Amino acid sequence: MKRRNIIKEKSFDFAIDIVNLYKELVLEKEFVMSRQLLKFGTSIGANVREAEFAQSKPDFIHKMSISLKEANETDYWLELLYKTKFISKMTFEKFQKKSTEILKILVTIVKSSKQ
């Protein structure tokens, strides 16, 4: 029986949410920050997927560390979009909750992999 890969699932679901938020922002004529959000919010899961087939433990740690950096940068763009009133407080809090959960999982993975 195959074990669930929680970070893979959560980062993919988060990427879908990011894509949908991007589409909404573009309709509101916000193109610069939304593009950054799209880039970093979807690359979290892409790097998690790359880490699945890492060539070595250091390669795995490297890929997961990149995902962690991308998640942190996604948080930045979400906060900036909220503070500049492109997204509502409710939307910001929904995304930040998911983002924080992903960040915590990635920190745990990177730390435990280094031990």
PDB file of N, CA and C in Angstrom:
ATOM      1  N   MET A   1       0.845  -1.199   0.000  1.00  0.00           N
ATOM      2  CA  MET A   1       0.000   0.000   0.000  1.00  0.00           C
ATOM      3  C   MET A   1       0.880   1.248   0.000  1.00  0.00           C
ATOM      4  N   LYS A   2       0.582   2.156  -0.884  1.00  0.00           N
ATOM      5  CA  LYS A   2       1.381   3.374  -1.017  1.00  0.00           C
ATOM      6  C   LYS A   2       0.999   4.384   0.068  1.00  0.00           C
ATOM      7  N   ARG A   3       2.030   4.942   0.713  1.00  0.00           N
ATOM      8  CA  ARG A   3       1.802   5.963   1.747  1.00  0.00           C
ATOM      9  C   ARG A   3       1.425   7.293   1.110  1.00  0.00           C
ATOM     10  N   ARG A   4       0.559   8.028   1.806  1.00  0.00           N
ATOM     11  CA  ARG A   4       0.185   9.360   1.328  1.00  0.00           C
ATOM     12  C   ARG A   4       1.373  10.300   1.468  1.00  0.00           C
ATOM     13  N   ASN A   5       1.536  11.136   0.492  1.00  0.00           N
ATOM     14  CA  ASN A   5       2.582  12.153   0.546  1.00  0.00           C
ATOM     15  C   ASN A   5       1.875  13.487   0.799  1.00  0.00           C
ATOM     16  N   ILE A   6       1.786  13.836   2.084  1.00  0.00           N
ATOM     17  CA  ILE A   6       1.008  15.009   2.499  1.00  0.00           C
ATOM     18  C   ILE A   6       1.524  16.294   1.854  1.00  0.00           C
ATOM     19  N   ILE A   7       2.839  16.496   1.857  1.00  0.00           N
ATOM     20  CA  ILE A   7       3.383  17.746   1.298  1.00  0.00           C
ATOM     21  C   ILE A   7       3.122  17.817  -0.204  1.00  0.00           C
ATOM     22  N   LYS A   8       3.190  16.690  -0.871  1.00  0.00           N
ATOM     23  CA  LYS A   8       2.905  16.654  -2.308  1.00  0.00           C
ATOM     24  C   LYS A   8       1.446  17.049  -2.559  1.00  0.00           C
ATOM     25  N   GLU A   9       0.534  16.487  -1.786  1.00  0.00           N
ATOM     26  CA  GLU A   9      -0.891  16.791  -1.936  1.00  0.00           C
ATOM     27  C   GLU A   9      -1.187  18.252  -1.603  1.00  0.00           C
ATOM     28  N   LYS A  10      -0.684  18.705  -0.466  1.00  0.00           N
ATOM     29  CA  LYS A  10      -0.978  20.073  -0.014  1.00  0.00           C
ATOM     30  C   LYS A  10      -0.373  21.121  -0.952  1.00  0.00           C
ATOM     31  N   SER A  11       0.840  20.870  -1.418  1.00  0.00           N
ATOM     32  CA  SER A  11       1.470  21.852  -2.308  1.00  0.00           C
ATOM     33  C   SER A  11       0.780  21.889  -3.675  1.00  0.00           C
ATOM     34  N   PHE A  12       0.265  20.751  -4.128  1.00  0.00           N
ATOM     35  CA  PHE A  12      -0.463  20.727  -5.397  1.00  0.00           C
ATOM     36  C   PHE A  12      -1.802  21.448  -5.260  1.00  0.00           C
ATOM     37  N   ASP A  13      -2.532  21.146  -4.184  1.00  0.00           N
ATOM     38  CA  ASP A  13      -3.814  21.823  -3.944  1.00  0.00           C
ATOM     39  C   ASP A  13      -3.608  23.332  -3.794  1.00  0.00           C
ATOM     40  N   PHE A  14      -2.531  23.720  -3.118  1.00  0.00           N
ATOM     41  CA  PHE A  14      -2.204  25.134  -2.938  1.00  0.00           C
ATOM     42  C   PHE A  14      -1.919  25.790  -4.291  1.00  0.00           C
ATOM     43  N   ALA A  15      -1.205  25.086  -5.157  1.00  0.00           N
ATOM     44  CA  ALA A  15      -0.904  25.605  -6.494  1.00  0.00           C
ATOM     45  C   ALA A  15      -2.186  25.858  -7.278  1.00  0.00           C
ATOM     46  N   ILE A  16      -3.147  24.962  -7.163  1.00  0.00           N
ATOM     47  CA  ILE A  16      -4.439  25.153  -7.833  1.00  0.00           C
ATOM     48  C   ILE A  16      -5.120  26.425  -7.315  1.00  0.00           C
ATOM     49  N   ASP A  17      -5.104  26.598  -5.992  1.00  0.00           N
ATOM     50  CA  ASP A  17      -5.693  27.808  -5.396  1.00  0.00           C
ATOM     51  C   ASP A  17      -4.975  29.065  -5.883  1.00  0.00           C
ATOM     52  N   ILE A  18      -3.654  28.990  -5.974  1.00  0.00           N
ATOM     53  CA  ILE A  18      -2.855  30.132  -6.439  1.00  0.00           C
ATOM     54  C   ILE A  18      -3.211  30.478  -7.889  1.00  0.00           C
ATOM     55  N   VAL A  19      -3.334  29.475  -8.729  1.00  0.00           N
ATOM     56  CA  VAL A  19      -3.696  29.707 -10.134  1.00  0.00           C
ATOM     57  C   VAL A  19      -5.060  30.394 -10.215  1.00  0.00           C
ATOM     58  N   ASN A  20      -6.000  29.930  -9.417  1.00  0.00           N
ATOM     59  CA  ASN A  20      -7.334  30.535  -9.431  1.00  0.00           C
ATOM     60  C   ASN A  20      -7.314  31.969  -8.907  1.00  0.00           C
ATOM     61  N   LEU A  21      -6.514  32.229  -7.878  1.00  0.00           N
ATOM     62  CA  LEU A  21      -6.380  33.596  -7.375  1.00  0.00           C
ATOM     63  C   LEU A  21      -5.721  34.482  -8.427  1.00  0.00           C
ATOM     64  N   TYR A  22      -4.712  33.948  -9.094  1.00  0.00           N
ATOM     65  CA  TYR A  22      -4.046  34.682 -10.179  1.00  0.00           C
ATOM     66  C   TYR A  22      -5.061  35.107 -11.242  1.00  0.00           C
ATOM     67  N   LYS A  23      -5.924  34.180 -11.638  1.00  0.00           N
ATOM     68  CA  LYS A  23      -6.933  34.496 -12.662  1.00  0.00           C
ATOM     69  C   LYS A  23      -7.847  35.634 -12.205  1.00  0.00           C
ATOM     70  N   GLU A  24      -8.219  35.618 -10.930  1.00  0.00           N
ATOM     71  CA  GLU A  24      -9.058  36.698 -10.382  1.00  0.00           C
ATOM     72  C   GLU A  24      -8.314  38.034 -10.400  1.00  0.00           C
ATOM     73  N   LEU A  25      -7.048  38.015 -10.002  1.00  0.00           N
ATOM     74  CA  LEU A  25      -6.255  39.244  -9.950  1.00  0.00           C
ATOM     75  C   LEU A  25      -6.055  39.847 -11.339  1.00  0.00           C
ATOM     76  N   VAL A  26      -5.843  39.004 -12.321  1.00  0.00           N
ATOM     77  CA  VAL A  26      -5.669  39.480 -13.694  1.00  0.00           C
ATOM     78  C   VAL A  26      -6.956  40.145 -14.196  1.00  0.00           C
ATOM     79  N   LEU A  27      -8.092  39.591 -13.811  1.00  0.00           N
ATOM     80  CA  LEU A  27      -9.370  40.218 -14.178  1.00  0.00           C
ATOM     81  C   LEU A  27      -9.496  41.612 -13.565  1.00  0.00           C
ATOM     82  N   GLU A  28      -8.844  41.804 -12.414  1.00  0.00           N
ATOM     83  CA  GLU A  28      -8.846  43.110 -11.738  1.00  0.00           C
ATOM     84  C   GLU A  28      -7.706  44.005 -12.246  1.00  0.00           C
ATOM     85  N   LYS A  29      -7.038  43.563 -13.294  1.00  0.00           N
ATOM     86  CA  LYS A  29      -5.950  44.316 -13.937  1.00  0.00           C
ATOM     87  C   LYS A  29      -4.698  44.445 -13.059  1.00  0.00           C
ATOM     88  N   GLU A  30      -4.464  43.444 -12.203  1.00  0.00           N
ATOM     89  CA  GLU A  30      -3.238  43.423 -11.414  1.00  0.00           C
ATOM     90  C   GLU A  30      -2.350  42.368 -12.073  1.00  0.00           C
ATOM     91  N   PHE A  31      -1.245  42.817 -12.678  1.00  0.00           N
ATOM     92  CA  PHE A  31      -0.424  41.905 -13.473  1.00  0.00           C
ATOM     93  C   PHE A  31       0.953  41.617 -12.891  1.00  0.00           C
ATOM     94  N   VAL A  32       1.526  42.521 -12.137  1.00  0.00           N
ATOM     95  CA  VAL A  32       2.913  42.373 -11.692  1.00  0.00           C
ATOM     96  C   VAL A  32       3.025  41.468 -10.463  1.00  0.00           C
ATOM     97  N   MET A  33       2.380  41.852  -9.380  1.00  0.00           N
ATOM     98  CA  MET A  33       2.467  41.040  -8.155  1.00  0.00           C
ATOM     99  C   MET A  33       1.809  39.680  -8.344  1.00  0.00           C
ATOM    100  N   SER A  34       0.710  39.654  -9.090  1.00  0.00           N
ATOM    101  CA  SER A  34       0.014  38.385  -9.307  1.00  0.00           C
ATOM    102  C   SER A  34       0.892  37.401 -10.080  1.00  0.00           C
ATOM    103  N   ARG A  35       1.683  37.912 -10.984  1.00  0.00           N
ATOM    104  CA  ARG A  35       2.597  37.044 -11.752  1.00  0.00           C
ATOM    105  C   ARG A  35       3.663  36.448 -10.840  1.00  0.00           C
ATOM    106  N   GLN A  36       4.166  37.265  -9.931  1.00  0.00           N
ATOM    107  CA  GLN A  36       5.150  36.769  -8.960  1.00  0.00           C
ATOM    108  C   GLN A  36       4.520  35.704  -8.056  1.00  0.00           C
ATOM    109  N   LEU A  37       3.299  35.980  -7.611  1.00  0.00           N
ATOM    110  CA  LEU A  37       2.577  35.025  -6.772  1.00  0.00           C
ATOM    111  C   LEU A  37       2.393  33.696  -7.510  1.00  0.00           C
ATOM    112  N   LEU A  38       2.007  33.787  -8.767  1.00  0.00           N
ATOM    113  CA  LEU A  38       1.813  32.582  -9.580  1.00  0.00           C
ATOM    114  C   LEU A  38       3.117  31.795  -9.703  1.00  0.00           C
ATOM    115  N   LYS A  39       4.190  32.506  -9.983  1.00  0.00           N
ATOM    116  CA  LYS A  39       5.497  31.865 -10.175  1.00  0.00           C
ATOM    117  C   LYS A  39       5.942  31.111  -8.914  1.00  0.00           C
ATOM    118  N   PHE A  40       5.901  31.796  -7.782  1.00  0.00           N
ATOM    119  CA  PHE A  40       6.424  31.188  -6.559  1.00  0.00           C
ATOM    120  C   PHE A  40       5.438  30.218  -5.921  1.00  0.00           C
ATOM    121  N   GLY A  41       4.145  30.543  -5.990  1.00  0.00           N
ATOM    122  CA  GLY A  41       3.141  29.678  -5.376  1.00  0.00           C
ATOM    123  C   GLY A  41       3.001  28.329  -6.050  1.00  0.00           C
ATOM    124  N   THR A  42       3.290  28.277  -7.344  1.00  0.00           N
ATOM    125  CA  THR A  42       3.206  26.994  -8.056  1.00  0.00           C
ATOM    126  C   THR A  42       4.538  26.240  -8.036  1.00  0.00           C
ATOM    127  N   SER A  43       5.629  26.944  -7.814  1.00  0.00           N
ATOM    128  CA  SER A  43       6.926  26.257  -7.826  1.00  0.00           C
ATOM    129  C   SER A  43       7.194  25.491  -6.531  1.00  0.00           C
ATOM    130  N   ILE A  44       6.420  25.763  -5.482  1.00  0.00           N
ATOM    131  CA  ILE A  44       6.570  24.991  -4.240  1.00  0.00           C
ATOM    132  C   ILE A  44       6.365  23.513  -4.560  1.00  0.00           C
ATOM    133  N   GLY A  45       5.213  23.233  -5.146  1.00  0.00           N
ATOM    134  CA  GLY A  45       4.883  21.843  -5.483  1.00  0.00           C
ATOM    135  C   GLY A  45       5.769  21.258  -6.556  1.00  0.00           C
ATOM    136  N   ALA A  46       6.197  22.098  -7.495  1.00  0.00           N
ATOM    137  CA  ALA A  46       7.084  21.596  -8.555  1.00  0.00           C
ATOM    138  C   ALA A  46       8.403  21.094  -7.964  1.00  0.00           C
ATOM    139  N   ASN A  47       8.927  21.813  -6.988  1.00  0.00           N
ATOM    140  CA  ASN A  47      10.179  21.380  -6.351  1.00  0.00           C
ATOM    141  C   ASN A  47       9.978  20.177  -5.436  1.00  0.00           C
ATOM    142  N   VAL A  48       8.806  20.088  -4.823  1.00  0.00           N
ATOM    143  CA  VAL A  48       8.484  18.893  -4.031  1.00  0.00           C
ATOM    144  C   VAL A  48       8.459  17.681  -4.960  1.00  0.00           C
ATOM    145  N   ARG A  49       7.873  17.845  -6.133  1.00  0.00           N
ATOM    146  CA  ARG A  49       7.839  16.750  -7.109  1.00  0.00           C
ATOM    147  C   ARG A  49       9.249  16.366  -7.564  1.00  0.00           C
ATOM    148  N   GLU A  50      10.088  17.377  -7.788  1.00  0.00           N
ATOM    149  CA  GLU A  50      11.470  17.086  -8.175  1.00  0.00           C
ATOM    150  C   GLU A  50      12.189  16.304  -7.081  1.00  0.00           C
ATOM    151  N   ALA A  51      11.921  16.670  -5.839  1.00  0.00           N
ATOM    152  CA  ALA A  51      12.575  16.014  -4.702  1.00  0.00           C
ATOM    153  C   ALA A  51      12.206  14.537  -4.596  1.00  0.00           C
ATOM    154  N   GLU A  52      11.039  14.182  -5.105  1.00  0.00           N
ATOM    155  CA  GLU A  52      10.609  12.769  -5.080  1.00  0.00           C
ATOM    156  C   GLU A  52      11.620  11.866  -5.776  1.00  0.00           C
ATOM    157  N   PHE A  53      12.249  12.385  -6.799  1.00  0.00           N
ATOM    158  CA  PHE A  53      13.208  11.585  -7.567  1.00  0.00           C
ATOM    159  C   PHE A  53      14.610  12.156  -7.460  1.00  0.00           C
ATOM    160  N   ALA A  54      14.922  12.667  -6.281  1.00  0.00           N
ATOM    161  CA  ALA A  54      16.248  13.223  -6.041  1.00  0.00           C
ATOM    162  C   ALA A  54      17.301  12.136  -6.239  1.00  0.00           C
ATOM    163  N   GLN A  55      18.472  12.570  -6.690  1.00  0.00           N
ATOM    164  CA  GLN A  55      19.553  11.623  -6.968  1.00  0.00           C
ATOM    165  C   GLN A  55      20.306  11.198  -5.710  1.00  0.00           C
ATOM    166  N   SER A  56      20.157  11.987  -4.651  1.00  0.00           N
ATOM    167  CA  SER A  56      20.845  11.689  -3.400  1.00  0.00           C
ATOM    168  C   SER A  56      20.129  12.422  -2.263  1.00  0.00           C
ATOM    169  N   LYS A  57      20.522  12.115  -1.043  1.00  0.00           N
ATOM    170  CA  LYS A  57      19.938  12.809   0.102  1.00  0.00           C
ATOM    171  C   LYS A  57      20.237  14.315   0.061  1.00  0.00           C
ATOM    172  N   PRO A  58      21.491  14.718  -0.236  1.00  0.00           N
ATOM    173  CA  PRO A  58      21.737  16.161  -0.355  1.00  0.00           C
ATOM    174  C   PRO A  58      20.891  16.824  -1.450  1.00  0.00           C
ATOM    175  N   ASP A  59      20.663  16.122  -2.555  1.00  0.00           N
ATOM    176  CA  ASP A  59      19.827  16.650  -3.631  1.00  0.00           C
ATOM    177  C   ASP A  59      18.387  16.810  -3.137  1.00  0.00           C
ATOM    178  N   PHE A  60      17.900  15.826  -2.377  1.00  0.00           N
ATOM    179  CA  PHE A  60      16.560  15.892  -1.794  1.00  0.00           C
ATOM    180  C   PHE A  60      16.442  17.106  -0.869  1.00  0.00           C
ATOM    181  N   ILE A  61      17.411  17.263   0.001  1.00  0.00           N
ATOM    182  CA  ILE A  61      17.411  18.393   0.946  1.00  0.00           C
ATOM    183  C   ILE A  61      17.441  19.713   0.180  1.00  0.00           C
ATOM    184  N   HIS A  62      18.251  19.780  -0.864  1.00  0.00           N
ATOM    185  CA  HIS A  62      18.353  20.985  -1.685  1.00  0.00           C
ATOM    186  C   HIS A  62      17.001  21.337  -2.311  1.00  0.00           C
ATOM    187  N   LYS A  63      16.342  20.351  -2.909  1.00  0.00           N
ATOM    188  CA  LYS A  63      15.045  20.592  -3.567  1.00  0.00           C
ATOM    189  C   LYS A  63      13.983  21.018  -2.551  1.00  0.00           C
ATOM    190  N   MET A  64      13.964  20.360  -1.399  1.00  0.00           N
ATOM    191  CA  MET A  64      13.000  20.723  -0.365  1.00  0.00           C
ATOM    192  C   MET A  64      13.306  22.105   0.209  1.00  0.00           C
ATOM    193  N   SER A  65      14.576  22.446   0.286  1.00  0.00           N
ATOM    194  CA  SER A  65      14.965  23.779   0.759  1.00  0.00           C
ATOM    195  C   SER A  65      14.508  24.852  -0.231  1.00  0.00           C
ATOM    196  N   ILE A  66      14.586  24.550  -1.508  1.00  0.00           N
ATOM    197  CA  ILE A  66      14.085  25.483  -2.527  1.00  0.00           C
ATOM    198  C   ILE A  66      12.572  25.651  -2.351  1.00  0.00           C
ATOM    199  N   SER A  67      11.863  24.552  -2.134  1.00  0.00           N
ATOM    200  CA  SER A  67      10.414  24.637  -1.893  1.00  0.00           C
ATOM    201  C   SER A  67      10.126  25.530  -0.693  1.00  0.00           C
ATOM    202  N   LEU A  68      10.920  25.388   0.334  1.00  0.00           N
ATOM    203  CA  LEU A  68      10.760  26.204   1.545  1.00  0.00           C
ATOM    204  C   LEU A  68      10.955  27.686   1.236  1.00  0.00           C
ATOM    205  N   LYS A  69      11.985  27.995   0.467  1.00  0.00           N
ATOM    206  CA  LYS A  69      12.227  29.391   0.065  1.00  0.00           C
ATOM    207  C   LYS A  69      11.071  29.933  -0.773  1.00  0.00           C
ATOM    208  N   GLU A  70      10.579  29.115  -1.689  1.00  0.00           N
ATOM    209  CA  GLU A  70       9.473  29.530  -2.555  1.00  0.00           C
ATOM    210  C   GLU A  70       8.200  29.770  -1.729  1.00  0.00           C
ATOM    211  N   ALA A  71       7.965  28.921  -0.729  1.00  0.00           N
ATOM    212  CA  ALA A  71       6.802  29.087   0.146  1.00  0.00           C
ATOM    213  C   ALA A  71       6.917  30.394   0.928  1.00  0.00           C
ATOM    214  N   ASN A  72       8.105  30.689   1.397  1.00  0.00           N
ATOM    215  CA  ASN A  72       8.332  31.931   2.130  1.00  0.00           C
ATOM    216  C   ASN A  72       8.110  33.145   1.224  1.00  0.00           C
ATOM    217  N   GLU A  73       8.587  33.065  -0.003  1.00  0.00           N
ATOM    218  CA  GLU A  73       8.396  34.173  -0.929  1.00  0.00           C
ATOM    219  C   GLU A  73       6.919  34.314  -1.324  1.00  0.00           C
ATOM    220  N   THR A  74       6.223  33.209  -1.442  1.00  0.00           N
ATOM    221  CA  THR A  74       4.784  33.254  -1.721  1.00  0.00           C
ATOM    222  C   THR A  74       4.066  34.026  -0.617  1.00  0.00           C
ATOM    223  N   ASP A  75       4.460  33.752   0.623  1.00  0.00           N
ATOM    224  CA  ASP A  75       3.905  34.479   1.774  1.00  0.00           C
ATOM    225  C   ASP A  75       4.109  35.985   1.624  1.00  0.00           C
ATOM    226  N   TYR A  76       5.287  36.365   1.155  1.00  0.00           N
ATOM    227  CA  TYR A  76       5.599  37.784   0.938  1.00  0.00           C
ATOM    228  C   TYR A  76       4.621  38.408  -0.055  1.00  0.00           C
ATOM    229  N   TRP A  77       4.427  37.757  -1.201  1.00  0.00           N
ATOM    230  CA  TRP A  77       3.554  38.308  -2.237  1.00  0.00           C
ATOM    231  C   TRP A  77       2.102  38.354  -1.778  1.00  0.00           C
ATOM    232  N   LEU A  78       1.679  37.349  -1.025  1.00  0.00           N
ATOM    233  CA  LEU A  78       0.321  37.367  -0.479  1.00  0.00           C
ATOM    234  C   LEU A  78       0.133  38.555   0.464  1.00  0.00           C
ATOM    235  N   GLU A  79       1.109  38.756   1.335  1.00  0.00           N
ATOM    236  CA  GLU A  79       1.025  39.870   2.282  1.00  0.00           C
ATOM    237  C   GLU A  79       1.029  41.210   1.551  1.00  0.00           C
ATOM    238  N   LEU A  80       1.867  41.332   0.537  1.00  0.00           N
ATOM    239  CA  LEU A  80       1.930  42.570  -0.232  1.00  0.00           C
ATOM    240  C   LEU A  80       0.604  42.835  -0.960  1.00  0.00           C
ATOM    241  N   LEU A  81       0.032  41.796  -1.540  1.00  0.00           N
ATOM    242  CA  LEU A  81      -1.264  41.943  -2.212  1.00  0.00           C
ATOM    243  C   LEU A  81      -2.356  42.363  -1.226  1.00  0.00           C
ATOM    244  N   TYR A  82      -2.287  41.831  -0.027  1.00  0.00           N
ATOM    245  CA  TYR A  82      -3.266  42.201   0.998  1.00  0.00           C
ATOM    246  C   TYR A  82      -3.052  43.646   1.459  1.00  0.00           C
ATOM    247  N   LYS A  83      -1.824  44.004   1.766  1.00  0.00           N
ATOM    248  CA  LYS A  83      -1.533  45.351   2.283  1.00  0.00           C
ATOM    249  C   LYS A  83      -1.792  46.437   1.242  1.00  0.00           C
ATOM    250  N   THR A  84      -1.757  46.064  -0.029  1.00  0.00           N
ATOM    251  CA  THR A  84      -2.044  47.038  -1.091  1.00  0.00           C
ATOM    252  C   THR A  84      -3.490  46.924  -1.583  1.00  0.00           C
ATOM    253  N   LYS A  85      -4.283  46.159  -0.827  1.00  0.00           N
ATOM    254  CA  LYS A  85      -5.736  46.042  -1.040  1.00  0.00           C
ATOM    255  C   LYS A  85      -6.151  45.379  -2.363  1.00  0.00           C
ATOM    256  N   PHE A  86      -5.306  44.513  -2.870  1.00  0.00           N
ATOM    257  CA  PHE A  86      -5.697  43.739  -4.051  1.00  0.00           C
ATOM    258  C   PHE A  86      -6.445  42.464  -3.666  1.00  0.00           C
ATOM    259  N   ILE A  87      -6.211  41.986  -2.429  1.00  0.00           N
ATOM    260  CA  ILE A  87      -6.988  40.843  -1.931  1.00  0.00           C
ATOM    261  C   ILE A  87      -7.579  41.216  -0.570  1.00  0.00           C
ATOM    262  N   SER A  88      -8.692  40.620  -0.255  1.00  0.00           N
ATOM    263  CA  SER A  88      -9.388  40.909   1.001  1.00  0.00           C
ATOM    264  C   SER A  88      -8.677  40.236   2.182  1.00  0.00           C
ATOM    265  N   LYS A  89      -9.036  40.678   3.367  1.00  0.00           N
ATOM    266  CA  LYS A  89      -8.491  40.081   4.585  1.00  0.00           C
ATOM    267  C   LYS A  89      -8.860  38.601   4.648  1.00  0.00           C
ATOM    268  N   MET A  90     -10.093  38.271   4.278  1.00  0.00           N
ATOM    269  CA  MET A  90     -10.555  36.886   4.304  1.00  0.00           C
ATOM    270  C   MET A  90      -9.727  36.017   3.348  1.00  0.00           C
ATOM    271  N   THR A  91      -9.495  36.507   2.147  1.00  0.00           N
ATOM    272  CA  THR A  91      -8.690  35.767   1.169  1.00  0.00           C
ATOM    273  C   THR A  91      -7.263  35.614   1.674  1.00  0.00           C
ATOM    274  N   PHE A  92      -6.704  36.703   2.182  1.00  0.00           N
ATOM    275  CA  PHE A  92      -5.340  36.667   2.716  1.00  0.00           C
ATOM    276  C   PHE A  92      -5.215  35.632   3.821  1.00  0.00           C
ATOM    277  N   GLU A  93      -6.137  35.653   4.760  1.00  0.00           N
ATOM    278  CA  GLU A  93      -6.064  34.725   5.900  1.00  0.00           C
ATOM    279  C   GLU A  93      -6.224  33.273   5.449  1.00  0.00           C
ATOM    280  N   LYS A  94      -7.091  33.037   4.475  1.00  0.00           N
ATOM    281  CA  LYS A  94      -7.280  31.680   3.942  1.00  0.00           C
ATOM    282  C   LYS A  94      -5.978  31.166   3.326  1.00  0.00           C
ATOM    283  N   PHE A  95      -5.360  32.004   2.511  1.00  0.00           N
ATOM    284  CA  PHE A  95      -4.114  31.603   1.852  1.00  0.00           C
ATOM    285  C   PHE A  95      -2.961  31.516   2.843  1.00  0.00           C
ATOM    286  N   GLN A  96      -2.910  32.431   3.774  1.00  0.00           N
ATOM    287  CA  GLN A  96      -1.810  32.424   4.742  1.00  0.00           C
ATOM    288  C   GLN A  96      -1.871  31.179   5.627  1.00  0.00           C
ATOM    289  N   LYS A  97      -3.077  30.761   5.967  1.00  0.00           N
ATOM    290  CA  LYS A  97      -3.234  29.543   6.780  1.00  0.00           C
ATOM    291  C   LYS A  97      -2.636  28.338   6.040  1.00  0.00           C
ATOM    292  N   LYS A  98      -2.982  28.210   4.768  1.00  0.00           N
ATOM    293  CA  LYS A  98      -2.467  27.093   3.961  1.00  0.00           C
ATOM    294  C   LYS A  98      -0.964  27.210   3.767  1.00  0.00           C
ATOM    295  N   SER A  99      -0.516  28.411   3.502  1.00  0.00           N
ATOM    296  CA  SER A  99       0.907  28.664   3.285  1.00  0.00           C
ATOM    297  C   SER A  99       1.725  28.349   4.532  1.00  0.00           C
ATOM    298  N   THR A 100       1.234  28.769   5.685  1.00  0.00           N
ATOM    299  CA  THR A 100       1.928  28.518   6.949  1.00  0.00           C
ATOM    300  C   THR A 100       2.014  27.025   7.229  1.00  0.00           C
ATOM    301  N   GLU A 101       0.948  26.309   6.931  1.00  0.00           N
ATOM    302  CA  GLU A 101       0.936  24.858   7.125  1.00  0.00           C
ATOM    303  C   GLU A 101       2.003  24.198   6.242  1.00  0.00           C
ATOM    304  N   ILE A 102       2.079  24.625   4.994  1.00  0.00           N
ATOM    305  CA  ILE A 102       3.077  24.090   4.065  1.00  0.00           C
ATOM    306  C   ILE A 102       4.486  24.440   4.548  1.00  0.00           C
ATOM    307  N   LEU A 103       4.686  25.675   4.986  1.00  0.00           N
ATOM    308  CA  LEU A 103       5.992  26.099   5.501  1.00  0.00           C
ATOM    309  C   LEU A 103       6.426  25.213   6.671  1.00  0.00           C
ATOM    310  N   LYS A 104       5.524  24.969   7.602  1.00  0.00           N
ATOM    311  CA  LYS A 104       5.850  24.146   8.778  1.00  0.00           C
ATOM    312  C   LYS A 104       6.238  22.731   8.373  1.00  0.00           C
ATOM    313  N   ILE A 105       5.493  22.156   7.441  1.00  0.00           N
ATOM    314  CA  ILE A 105       5.807  20.800   6.973  1.00  0.00           C
ATOM    315  C   ILE A 105       7.178  20.782   6.313  1.00  0.00           C
ATOM    316  N   LEU A 106       7.450  21.763   5.467  1.00  0.00           N
ATOM    317  CA  LEU A 106       8.741  21.815   4.774  1.00  0.00           C
ATOM    318  C   LEU A 106       9.900  22.017   5.745  1.00  0.00           C
ATOM    319  N   VAL A 107       9.726  22.867   6.750  1.00  0.00           N
ATOM    320  CA  VAL A 107      10.773  23.066   7.759  1.00  0.00           C
ATOM    321  C   VAL A 107      11.067  21.745   8.455  1.00  0.00           C
ATOM    322  N   THR A 108      10.014  21.015   8.812  1.00  0.00           N
ATOM    323  CA  THR A 108      10.177  19.716   9.472  1.00  0.00           C
ATOM    324  C   THR A 108      10.907  18.726   8.570  1.00  0.00           C
ATOM    325  N   ILE A 109      10.532  18.683   7.306  1.00  0.00           N
ATOM    326  CA  ILE A 109      11.168  17.760   6.354  1.00  0.00           C
ATOM    327  C   ILE A 109      12.646  18.091   6.200  1.00  0.00           C
ATOM    328  N   VAL A 110      12.958  19.369   6.004  1.00  0.00           N
ATOM    329  CA  VAL A 110      14.353  19.775   5.800  1.00  0.00           C
ATOM    330  C   VAL A 110      15.181  19.483   7.059  1.00  0.00           C
ATOM    331  N   LYS A 111      14.662  19.868   8.219  1.00  0.00           N
ATOM    332  CA  LYS A 111      15.395  19.627   9.479  1.00  0.00           C
ATOM    333  C   LYS A 111      15.631  18.138   9.722  1.00  0.00           C
ATOM    334  N   SER A 112      14.579  17.335   9.581  1.00  0.00           N
ATOM    335  CA  SER A 112      14.726  15.896   9.858  1.00  0.00           C
ATOM    336  C   SER A 112      15.613  15.218   8.807  1.00  0.00           C
ATOM    337  N   SER A 113      15.601  15.707   7.598  1.00  0.00           N
ATOM    338  CA  SER A 113      16.454  15.122   6.557  1.00  0.00           C
ATOM    339  C   SER A 113      17.923  15.427   6.789  1.00  0.00           C
ATOM    340  N   LYS A 114      18.206  16.548   7.426  1.00  0.00           N
ATOM    341  CA  LYS A 114      19.593  16.920   7.698  1.00  0.00           C
ATOM    342  C   LYS A 114      20.184  16.135   8.861  1.00  0.00           C
ATOM    343  N   GLN A 115      19.342  15.523   9.670  1.00  0.00           N
ATOM    344  CA  GLN A 115      19.829  14.768  10.844  1.00  0.00           C
ATOM    345  C   GLN A 115      20.307  13.383  10.478  1.00  0.00           C
TER     346      GLN A 115
END
